[in-house]
């Protein structure tokens, strides 16, 4: 069961990594498109770029994933808490 759990966790990590990469690539494409569509007017370019930077889901998704990773690192670094959480998540060791 331990090997199967590791395979599932690795697959989940790859899947989440690809989702984050796809969101970031879409965000970069949106920024590029906003810059290209606003050429010739500085105000229009600034407004479109600000809208893409703040309203697009890409940067917010990256912030949430980064926050979750930092929380995981903090919990893992705590000797008592991290060990207790790992024991509860993985069940009894054989």
PDB file of N, CA and C in Angstrom:
ATOM      1  N   UNK A   1       0.825  -1.194   0.000  1.00  0.00           N
ATOM      2  CA  UNK A   1       0.000   0.000   0.000  1.00  0.00           C
ATOM      3  C   UNK A   1       0.861   1.248   0.000  1.00  0.00           C
ATOM      4  N   UNK A   2       2.024   1.176   0.618  1.00  0.00           N
ATOM      5  CA  UNK A   2       2.907   2.326   0.693  1.00  0.00           C
ATOM      6  C   UNK A   2       3.379   2.745  -0.708  1.00  0.00           C
ATOM      7  N   UNK A   3       3.696   1.784  -1.571  1.00  0.00           N
ATOM      8  CA  UNK A   3       4.146   2.091  -2.924  1.00  0.00           C
ATOM      9  C   UNK A   3       3.007   2.703  -3.725  1.00  0.00           C
ATOM     10  N   UNK A   4       1.814   2.169  -3.581  1.00  0.00           N
ATOM     11  CA  UNK A   4       0.654   2.710  -4.297  1.00  0.00           C
ATOM     12  C   UNK A   4       0.356   4.141  -3.850  1.00  0.00           C
ATOM     13  N   UNK A   5       0.471   4.403  -2.564  1.00  0.00           N
ATOM     14  CA  UNK A   5       0.248   5.754  -2.051  1.00  0.00           C
ATOM     15  C   UNK A   5       1.272   6.724  -2.616  1.00  0.00           C
ATOM     16  N   UNK A   6       2.511   6.303  -2.698  1.00  0.00           N
ATOM     17  CA  UNK A   6       3.551   7.169  -3.259  1.00  0.00           C
ATOM     18  C   UNK A   6       3.304   7.449  -4.738  1.00  0.00           C
ATOM     19  N   UNK A   7       2.845   6.459  -5.474  1.00  0.00           N
ATOM     20  CA  UNK A   7       2.549   6.646  -6.897  1.00  0.00           C
ATOM     21  C   UNK A   7       1.397   7.623  -7.072  1.00  0.00           C
ATOM     22  N   UNK A   8       0.352   7.476  -6.277  1.00  0.00           N
ATOM     23  CA  UNK A   8      -0.799   8.376  -6.359  1.00  0.00           C
ATOM     24  C   UNK A   8      -0.396   9.797  -5.986  1.00  0.00           C
ATOM     25  N   UNK A   9       0.414   9.957  -4.956  1.00  0.00           N
ATOM     26  CA  UNK A   9       0.872  11.289  -4.561  1.00  0.00           C
ATOM     27  C   UNK A   9       1.761  11.916  -5.633  1.00  0.00           C
ATOM     28  N   UNK A  10       2.620  11.124  -6.252  1.00  0.00           N
ATOM     29  CA  UNK A  10       3.464  11.645  -7.333  1.00  0.00           C
ATOM     30  C   UNK A  10       2.614  12.070  -8.525  1.00  0.00           C
ATOM     31  N   UNK A  11       1.634  11.264  -8.874  1.00  0.00           N
ATOM     32  CA  UNK A  11       0.736  11.610  -9.979  1.00  0.00           C
ATOM     33  C   UNK A  11      -0.039  12.886  -9.657  1.00  0.00           C
ATOM     34  N   UNK A  12      -0.512  13.002  -8.426  1.00  0.00           N
ATOM     35  CA  UNK A  12      -1.224  14.216  -8.018  1.00  0.00           C
ATOM     36  C   UNK A  12      -0.329  15.441  -8.074  1.00  0.00           C
ATOM     37  N   UNK A  13       0.930  15.297  -7.693  1.00  0.00           N
ATOM     38  CA  UNK A  13       1.870  16.411  -7.758  1.00  0.00           C
ATOM     39  C   UNK A  13       2.131  16.854  -9.184  1.00  0.00           C
ATOM     40  N   UNK A  14       2.274  15.891 -10.086  1.00  0.00           N
ATOM     41  CA  UNK A  14       2.468  16.229 -11.500  1.00  0.00           C
ATOM     42  C   UNK A  14       1.225  16.914 -12.050  1.00  0.00           C
ATOM     43  N   UNK A  15       0.062  16.417 -11.707  1.00  0.00           N
ATOM     44  CA  UNK A  15      -1.182  17.008 -12.187  1.00  0.00           C
ATOM     45  C   UNK A  15      -1.340  18.444 -11.683  1.00  0.00           C
ATOM     46  N   UNK A  16      -1.084  18.682 -10.416  1.00  0.00           N
ATOM     47  CA  UNK A  16      -1.187  20.037  -9.869  1.00  0.00           C
ATOM     48  C   UNK A  16      -0.141  20.945 -10.510  1.00  0.00           C
ATOM     49  N   UNK A  17       1.058  20.439 -10.714  1.00  0.00           N
ATOM     50  CA  UNK A  17       2.097  21.226 -11.387  1.00  0.00           C
ATOM     51  C   UNK A  17       1.702  21.624 -12.791  1.00  0.00           C
ATOM     52  N   UNK A  18       1.082  20.704 -13.526  1.00  0.00           N
ATOM     53  CA  UNK A  18       0.631  21.032 -14.876  1.00  0.00           C
ATOM     54  C   UNK A  18      -0.514  22.043 -14.867  1.00  0.00           C
ATOM     55  N   UNK A  19      -1.407  21.936 -13.887  1.00  0.00           N
ATOM     56  CA  UNK A  19      -2.481  22.923 -13.774  1.00  0.00           C
ATOM     57  C   UNK A  19      -1.933  24.320 -13.486  1.00  0.00           C
ATOM     58  N   UNK A  20      -0.973  24.399 -12.582  1.00  0.00           N
ATOM     59  CA  UNK A  20      -0.362  25.699 -12.264  1.00  0.00           C
ATOM     60  C   UNK A  20       0.364  26.238 -13.492  1.00  0.00           C
ATOM     61  N   UNK A  21       1.112  25.394 -14.175  1.00  0.00           N
ATOM     62  CA  UNK A  21       1.830  25.822 -15.374  1.00  0.00           C
ATOM     63  C   UNK A  21       0.867  26.315 -16.451  1.00  0.00           C
ATOM     64  N   UNK A  22      -0.258  25.634 -16.624  1.00  0.00           N
ATOM     65  CA  UNK A  22      -1.252  26.054 -17.605  1.00  0.00           C
ATOM     66  C   UNK A  22      -1.870  27.398 -17.263  1.00  0.00           C
ATOM     67  N   UNK A  23      -2.161  27.622 -15.983  1.00  0.00           N
ATOM     68  CA  UNK A  23      -2.720  28.913 -15.555  1.00  0.00           C
ATOM     69  C   UNK A  23      -1.730  30.049 -15.774  1.00  0.00           C
ATOM     70  N   UNK A  24      -0.470  29.790 -15.442  1.00  0.00           N
ATOM     71  CA  UNK A  24       0.547  30.825 -15.617  1.00  0.00           C
ATOM     72  C   UNK A  24       0.757  31.111 -17.102  1.00  0.00           C
ATOM     73  N   UNK A  25       0.778  30.081 -17.930  1.00  0.00           N
ATOM     74  CA  UNK A  25       0.928  30.288 -19.376  1.00  0.00           C
ATOM     75  C   UNK A  25      -0.254  31.079 -19.937  1.00  0.00           C
ATOM     76  N   UNK A  26      -1.468  30.786 -19.482  1.00  0.00           N
ATOM     77  CA  UNK A  26      -2.632  31.553 -19.925  1.00  0.00           C
ATOM     78  C   UNK A  26      -2.567  33.000 -19.487  1.00  0.00           C
ATOM     79  N   UNK A  27      -2.055  33.221 -18.288  1.00  0.00           N
ATOM     80  CA  UNK A  27      -1.911  34.579 -17.777  1.00  0.00           C
ATOM     81  C   UNK A  27      -0.888  35.358 -18.593  1.00  0.00           C
ATOM     82  N   UNK A  28       0.244  34.739 -18.905  1.00  0.00           N
ATOM     83  CA  UNK A  28       1.274  35.397 -19.710  1.00  0.00           C
ATOM     84  C   UNK A  28       0.738  35.708 -21.094  1.00  0.00           C
ATOM     85  N   UNK A  29      -0.038  34.800 -21.669  1.00  0.00           N
ATOM     86  CA  UNK A  29      -0.658  35.041 -22.972  1.00  0.00           C
ATOM     87  C   UNK A  29      -1.637  36.212 -22.911  1.00  0.00           C
ATOM     88  N   UNK A  30      -2.394  36.310 -21.831  1.00  0.00           N
ATOM     89  CA  UNK A  30      -3.338  37.420 -21.677  1.00  0.00           C
ATOM     90  C   UNK A  30      -2.613  38.752 -21.535  1.00  0.00           C
ATOM     91  N   UNK A  31      -1.517  38.769 -20.794  1.00  0.00           N
ATOM     92  CA  UNK A  31      -0.729  39.995 -20.657  1.00  0.00           C
ATOM     93  C   UNK A  31      -0.179  40.417 -22.012  1.00  0.00           C
ATOM     94  N   UNK A  32       0.341  39.464 -22.778  1.00  0.00           N
ATOM     95  CA  UNK A  32       0.864  39.758 -24.109  1.00  0.00           C
ATOM     96  C   UNK A  32      -0.231  40.303 -25.028  1.00  0.00           C
ATOM     97  N   UNK A  33      -1.390  39.700 -24.978  1.00  0.00           N
ATOM     98  CA  UNK A  33      -2.501  40.150 -25.810  1.00  0.00           C
ATOM     99  C   UNK A  33      -2.974  41.548 -25.396  1.00  0.00           C
ATOM    100  N   UNK A  34      -2.983  41.842 -24.110  1.00  0.00           N
ATOM    101  CA  UNK A  34      -3.390  43.176 -23.648  1.00  0.00           C
ATOM    102  C   UNK A  34      -2.398  44.237 -24.101  1.00  0.00           C
ATOM    103  N   UNK A  35      -1.121  43.896 -24.088  1.00  0.00           N
ATOM    104  CA  UNK A  35      -0.109  44.857 -24.540  1.00  0.00           C
ATOM    105  C   UNK A  35      -0.224  45.084 -26.039  1.00  0.00           C
ATOM    106  N   UNK A  36      -0.416  44.027 -26.800  1.00  0.00           N
ATOM    107  CA  UNK A  36      -0.522  44.165 -28.260  1.00  0.00           C
ATOM    108  C   UNK A  36      -1.780  44.910 -28.686  1.00  0.00           C
ATOM    109  N   UNK A  37      -2.889  44.693 -28.000  1.00  0.00           N
ATOM    110  CA  UNK A  37      -4.134  45.345 -28.407  1.00  0.00           C
ATOM    111  C   UNK A  37      -4.166  46.821 -28.039  1.00  0.00           C
ATOM    112  N   UNK A  38      -3.338  47.238 -27.095  1.00  0.00           N
ATOM    113  CA  UNK A  38      -3.346  48.624 -26.658  1.00  0.00           C
ATOM    114  C   UNK A  38      -2.264  49.480 -27.266  1.00  0.00           C
ATOM    115  N   UNK A  39      -1.541  48.975 -28.243  1.00  0.00           N
ATOM    116  CA  UNK A  39      -0.466  49.763 -28.856  1.00  0.00           C
ATOM    117  C   UNK A  39      -1.043  50.992 -29.544  1.00  0.00           C
ATOM    118  N   UNK A  40      -0.350  52.097 -29.357  1.00  0.00           N
ATOM    119  CA  UNK A  40      -0.789  53.345 -29.962  1.00  0.00           C
ATOM    120  C   UNK A  40      -1.448  54.272 -28.961  1.00  0.00           C
ATOM    121  N   UNK A  41      -1.930  53.741 -27.863  1.00  0.00           N
ATOM    122  CA  UNK A  41      -2.559  54.551 -26.828  1.00  0.00           C
ATOM    123  C   UNK A  41      -2.012  54.110 -25.475  1.00  0.00           C
ATOM    124  N   UNK A  42      -1.276  55.010 -24.832  1.00  0.00           N
ATOM    125  CA  UNK A  42      -0.640  54.649 -23.560  1.00  0.00           C
ATOM    126  C   UNK A  42      -1.673  54.392 -22.466  1.00  0.00           C
ATOM    127  N   UNK A  43      -2.745  55.181 -22.430  1.00  0.00           N
ATOM    128  CA  UNK A  43      -3.773  54.997 -21.408  1.00  0.00           C
ATOM    129  C   UNK A  43      -4.518  53.684 -21.568  1.00  0.00           C
ATOM    130  N   UNK A  44      -4.803  53.346 -22.818  1.00  0.00           N
ATOM    131  CA  UNK A  44      -5.513  52.087 -23.090  1.00  0.00           C
ATOM    132  C   UNK A  44      -4.646  50.884 -22.729  1.00  0.00           C
ATOM    133  N   UNK A  45      -3.351  50.965 -23.040  1.00  0.00           N
ATOM    134  CA  UNK A  45      -2.444  49.869 -22.705  1.00  0.00           C
ATOM    135  C   UNK A  45      -2.341  49.698 -21.197  1.00  0.00           C
ATOM    136  N   UNK A  46      -2.214  50.811 -20.475  1.00  0.00           N
ATOM    137  CA  UNK A  46      -2.083  50.730 -19.017  1.00  0.00           C
ATOM    138  C   UNK A  46      -3.351  50.169 -18.387  1.00  0.00           C
ATOM    139  N   UNK A  47      -4.516  50.592 -18.877  1.00  0.00           N
ATOM    140  CA  UNK A  47      -5.777  50.109 -18.325  1.00  0.00           C
ATOM    141  C   UNK A  47      -5.968  48.616 -18.603  1.00  0.00           C
ATOM    142  N   UNK A  48      -5.689  48.202 -19.832  1.00  0.00           N
ATOM    143  CA  UNK A  48      -5.824  46.785 -20.180  1.00  0.00           C
ATOM    144  C   UNK A  48      -4.850  45.914 -19.419  1.00  0.00           C
ATOM    145  N   UNK A  49      -3.628  46.407 -19.268  1.00  0.00           N
ATOM    146  CA  UNK A  49      -2.618  45.642 -18.547  1.00  0.00           C
ATOM    147  C   UNK A  49      -2.971  45.531 -17.066  1.00  0.00           C
ATOM    148  N   UNK A  50      -3.454  46.615 -16.479  1.00  0.00           N
ATOM    149  CA  UNK A  50      -3.854  46.573 -15.064  1.00  0.00           C
ATOM    150  C   UNK A  50      -5.013  45.608 -14.858  1.00  0.00           C
ATOM    151  N   UNK A  51      -5.967  45.618 -15.796  1.00  0.00           N
ATOM    152  CA  UNK A  51      -7.109  44.712 -15.680  1.00  0.00           C
ATOM    153  C   UNK A  51      -6.662  43.258 -15.757  1.00  0.00           C
ATOM    154  N   UNK A  52      -5.756  42.963 -16.681  1.00  0.00           N
ATOM    155  CA  UNK A  52      -5.283  41.586 -16.822  1.00  0.00           C
ATOM    156  C   UNK A  52      -4.479  41.161 -15.598  1.00  0.00           C
ATOM    157  N   UNK A  53      -3.649  42.061 -15.090  1.00  0.00           N
ATOM    158  CA  UNK A  53      -2.811  41.703 -13.946  1.00  0.00           C
ATOM    159  C   UNK A  53      -3.624  41.465 -12.683  1.00  0.00           C
ATOM    160  N   UNK A  54      -4.723  42.196 -12.505  1.00  0.00           N
ATOM    161  CA  UNK A  54      -5.506  42.079 -11.276  1.00  0.00           C
ATOM    162  C   UNK A  54      -6.688  41.127 -11.378  1.00  0.00           C
ATOM    163  N   UNK A  55      -7.308  41.059 -12.537  1.00  0.00           N
ATOM    164  CA  UNK A  55      -8.549  40.302 -12.651  1.00  0.00           C
ATOM    165  C   UNK A  55      -8.375  38.884 -13.187  1.00  0.00           C
ATOM    166  N   UNK A  56      -7.267  38.596 -13.811  1.00  0.00           N
ATOM    167  CA  UNK A  56      -7.054  37.256 -14.347  1.00  0.00           C
ATOM    168  C   UNK A  56      -6.832  36.273 -13.201  1.00  0.00           C
ATOM    169  N   UNK A  57      -7.258  35.043 -13.361  1.00  0.00           N
ATOM    170  CA  UNK A  57      -7.159  34.056 -12.275  1.00  0.00           C
ATOM    171  C   UNK A  57      -5.751  33.491 -12.105  1.00  0.00           C
ATOM    172  N   UNK A  58      -4.897  33.669 -13.099  1.00  0.00           N
ATOM    173  CA  UNK A  58      -3.557  33.093 -13.038  1.00  0.00           C
ATOM    174  C   UNK A  58      -2.734  33.510 -11.833  1.00  0.00           C
ATOM    175  N   UNK A  59      -2.561  34.825 -11.595  1.00  0.00           N
ATOM    176  CA  UNK A  59      -1.719  35.200 -10.454  1.00  0.00           C
ATOM    177  C   UNK A  59      -2.334  34.826  -9.112  1.00  0.00           C
ATOM    178  N   UNK A  60      -3.651  34.874  -8.996  1.00  0.00           N
ATOM    179  CA  UNK A  60      -4.297  34.511  -7.731  1.00  0.00           C
ATOM    180  C   UNK A  60      -4.160  33.013  -7.469  1.00  0.00           C
ATOM    181  N   UNK A  61      -4.228  32.224  -8.520  1.00  0.00           N
ATOM    182  CA  UNK A  61      -4.049  30.780  -8.391  1.00  0.00           C
ATOM    183  C   UNK A  61      -2.635  30.465  -7.914  1.00  0.00           C
ATOM    184  N   UNK A  62      -1.649  31.171  -8.471  1.00  0.00           N
ATOM    185  CA  UNK A  62      -0.262  30.961  -8.066  1.00  0.00           C
ATOM    186  C   UNK A  62      -0.064  31.382  -6.604  1.00  0.00           C
ATOM    187  N   UNK A  63      -0.704  32.479  -6.191  1.00  0.00           N
ATOM    188  CA  UNK A  63      -0.597  32.934  -4.792  1.00  0.00           C
ATOM    189  C   UNK A  63      -1.166  31.876  -3.844  1.00  0.00           C
ATOM    190  N   UNK A  64      -2.316  31.301  -4.196  1.00  0.00           N
ATOM    191  CA  UNK A  64      -2.933  30.290  -3.328  1.00  0.00           C
ATOM    192  C   UNK A  64      -2.058  29.036  -3.255  1.00  0.00           C
ATOM    193  N   UNK A  65      -1.565  28.571  -4.393  1.00  0.00           N
ATOM    194  CA  UNK A  65      -0.715  27.379  -4.393  1.00  0.00           C
ATOM    195  C   UNK A  65       0.576  27.649  -3.621  1.00  0.00           C
ATOM    196  N   UNK A  66       1.158  28.832  -3.794  1.00  0.00           N
ATOM    197  CA  UNK A  66       2.359  29.187  -3.044  1.00  0.00           C
ATOM    198  C   UNK A  66       2.101  29.240  -1.546  1.00  0.00           C
ATOM    199  N   UNK A  67       0.948  29.786  -1.170  1.00  0.00           N
ATOM    200  CA  UNK A  67       0.586  29.835   0.248  1.00  0.00           C
ATOM    201  C   UNK A  67       0.416  28.447   0.833  1.00  0.00           C
ATOM    202  N   UNK A  68      -0.199  27.553   0.075  1.00  0.00           N
ATOM    203  CA  UNK A  68      -0.354  26.176   0.552  1.00  0.00           C
ATOM    204  C   UNK A  68       0.997  25.479   0.690  1.00  0.00           C
ATOM    205  N   UNK A  69       1.904  25.747  -0.235  1.00  0.00           N
ATOM    206  CA  UNK A  69       3.243  25.148  -0.144  1.00  0.00           C
ATOM    207  C   UNK A  69       3.993  25.673   1.072  1.00  0.00           C
ATOM    208  N   UNK A  70       3.868  26.973   1.342  1.00  0.00           N
ATOM    209  CA  UNK A  70       4.531  27.543   2.512  1.00  0.00           C
ATOM    210  C   UNK A  70       3.943  26.958   3.792  1.00  0.00           C
ATOM    211  N   UNK A  71       2.615  26.813   3.836  1.00  0.00           N
ATOM    212  CA  UNK A  71       1.985  26.200   5.021  1.00  0.00           C
ATOM    213  C   UNK A  71       2.473  24.775   5.217  1.00  0.00           C
ATOM    214  N   UNK A  72       2.624  24.042   4.129  1.00  0.00           N
ATOM    215  CA  UNK A  72       3.121  22.676   4.224  1.00  0.00           C
ATOM    216  C   UNK A  72       4.552  22.649   4.743  1.00  0.00           C
ATOM    217  N   UNK A  73       5.380  23.579   4.286  1.00  0.00           N
ATOM    218  CA  UNK A  73       6.759  23.633   4.765  1.00  0.00           C
ATOM    219  C   UNK A  73       6.821  23.977   6.248  1.00  0.00           C
ATOM    220  N   UNK A  74       5.965  24.896   6.686  1.00  0.00           N
ATOM    221  CA  UNK A  74       5.946  25.278   8.098  1.00  0.00           C
ATOM    222  C   UNK A  74       5.511  24.104   8.962  1.00  0.00           C
ATOM    223  N   UNK A  75       4.475  23.403   8.524  1.00  0.00           N
ATOM    224  CA  UNK A  75       3.989  22.251   9.298  1.00  0.00           C
ATOM    225  C   UNK A  75       5.026  21.133   9.301  1.00  0.00           C
ATOM    226  N   UNK A  76       5.680  20.929   8.163  1.00  0.00           N
ATOM    227  CA  UNK A  76       6.695  19.874   8.095  1.00  0.00           C
ATOM    228  C   UNK A  76       7.911  20.202   8.946  1.00  0.00           C
ATOM    229  N   UNK A  77       8.219  21.495   9.093  1.00  0.00           N
ATOM    230  CA  UNK A  77       9.391  21.888   9.878  1.00  0.00           C
ATOM    231  C   UNK A  77       9.137  21.777  11.379  1.00  0.00           C
ATOM    232  N   UNK A  78       7.879  21.808  11.788  1.00  0.00           N
ATOM    233  CA  UNK A  78       7.554  21.667  13.205  1.00  0.00           C
ATOM    234  C   UNK A  78       7.673  20.199  13.592  1.00  0.00           C
ATOM    235  N   UNK A  79       8.562  19.864  14.505  1.00  0.00           N
ATOM    236  CA  UNK A  79       8.820  18.450  14.777  1.00  0.00           C
ATOM    237  C   UNK A  79       7.601  17.676  15.263  1.00  0.00           C
ATOM    238  N   UNK A  80       6.853  18.203  16.195  1.00  0.00           N
ATOM    239  CA  UNK A  80       5.723  17.456  16.741  1.00  0.00           C
ATOM    240  C   UNK A  80       4.519  17.453  15.827  1.00  0.00           C
ATOM    241  N   UNK A  81       4.198  18.613  15.256  1.00  0.00           N
ATOM    242  CA  UNK A  81       2.986  18.745  14.443  1.00  0.00           C
ATOM    243  C   UNK A  81       3.119  17.980  13.137  1.00  0.00           C
ATOM    244  N   UNK A  82       4.252  18.151  12.456  1.00  0.00           N
ATOM    245  CA  UNK A  82       4.437  17.469  11.180  1.00  0.00           C
ATOM    246  C   UNK A  82       4.395  15.963  11.308  1.00  0.00           C
ATOM    247  N   UNK A  83       5.028  15.450  12.343  1.00  0.00           N
ATOM    248  CA  UNK A  83       5.056  14.004  12.549  1.00  0.00           C
ATOM    249  C   UNK A  83       3.659  13.474  12.870  1.00  0.00           C
ATOM    250  N   UNK A  84       2.922  14.208  13.687  1.00  0.00           N
ATOM    251  CA  UNK A  84       1.573  13.770  14.042  1.00  0.00           C
ATOM    252  C   UNK A  84       0.658  13.797  12.818  1.00  0.00           C
ATOM    253  N   UNK A  85       0.781  14.819  11.988  1.00  0.00           N
ATOM    254  CA  UNK A  85      -0.054  14.887  10.781  1.00  0.00           C
ATOM    255  C   UNK A  85       0.297  13.776   9.811  1.00  0.00           C
ATOM    256  N   UNK A  86       1.594  13.487   9.667  1.00  0.00           N
ATOM    257  CA  UNK A  86       1.983  12.408   8.762  1.00  0.00           C
ATOM    258  C   UNK A  86       1.482  11.060   9.258  1.00  0.00           C
ATOM    259  N   UNK A  87       1.528  10.840  10.537  1.00  0.00           N
ATOM    260  CA  UNK A  87       1.025   9.576  11.089  1.00  0.00           C
ATOM    261  C   UNK A  87      -0.465   9.428  10.846  1.00  0.00           C
ATOM    262  N   UNK A  88      -1.219  10.502  11.036  1.00  0.00           N
ATOM    263  CA  UNK A  88      -2.669  10.443  10.824  1.00  0.00           C
ATOM    264  C   UNK A  88      -2.999  10.260   9.341  1.00  0.00           C
ATOM    265  N   UNK A  89      -2.242  10.892   8.461  1.00  0.00           N
ATOM    266  CA  UNK A  89      -2.541  10.828   7.035  1.00  0.00           C
ATOM    267  C   UNK A  89      -2.174   9.465   6.446  1.00  0.00           C
ATOM    268  N   UNK A  90      -1.062   8.913   6.862  1.00  0.00           N
ATOM    269  CA  UNK A  90      -0.595   7.658   6.265  1.00  0.00           C
ATOM    270  C   UNK A  90      -1.115   6.437   6.998  1.00  0.00           C
ATOM    271  N   UNK A  91      -1.660   6.593   8.162  1.00  0.00           N
ATOM    272  CA  UNK A  91      -2.174   5.450   8.908  1.00  0.00           C
ATOM    273  C   UNK A  91      -1.039   4.742   9.637  1.00  0.00           C
ATOM    274  N   UNK A  92      -1.333   3.604  10.202  1.00  0.00           N
ATOM    275  CA  UNK A  92      -0.302   2.879  10.956  1.00  0.00           C
ATOM    276  C   UNK A  92       0.785   2.351  10.032  1.00  0.00           C
ATOM    277  N   UNK A  93       2.014   2.458  10.485  1.00  0.00           N
ATOM    278  CA  UNK A  93       3.133   1.958   9.672  1.00  0.00           C
ATOM    279  C   UNK A  93       3.297   0.460   9.921  1.00  0.00           C
ATOM    280  N   UNK A  94       3.735  -0.218   8.877  1.00  0.00           N
ATOM    281  CA  UNK A  94       3.919  -1.676   8.968  1.00  0.00           C
ATOM    282  C   UNK A  94       5.318  -2.024   9.383  1.00  0.00           C
TER     283      UNK A  94
END
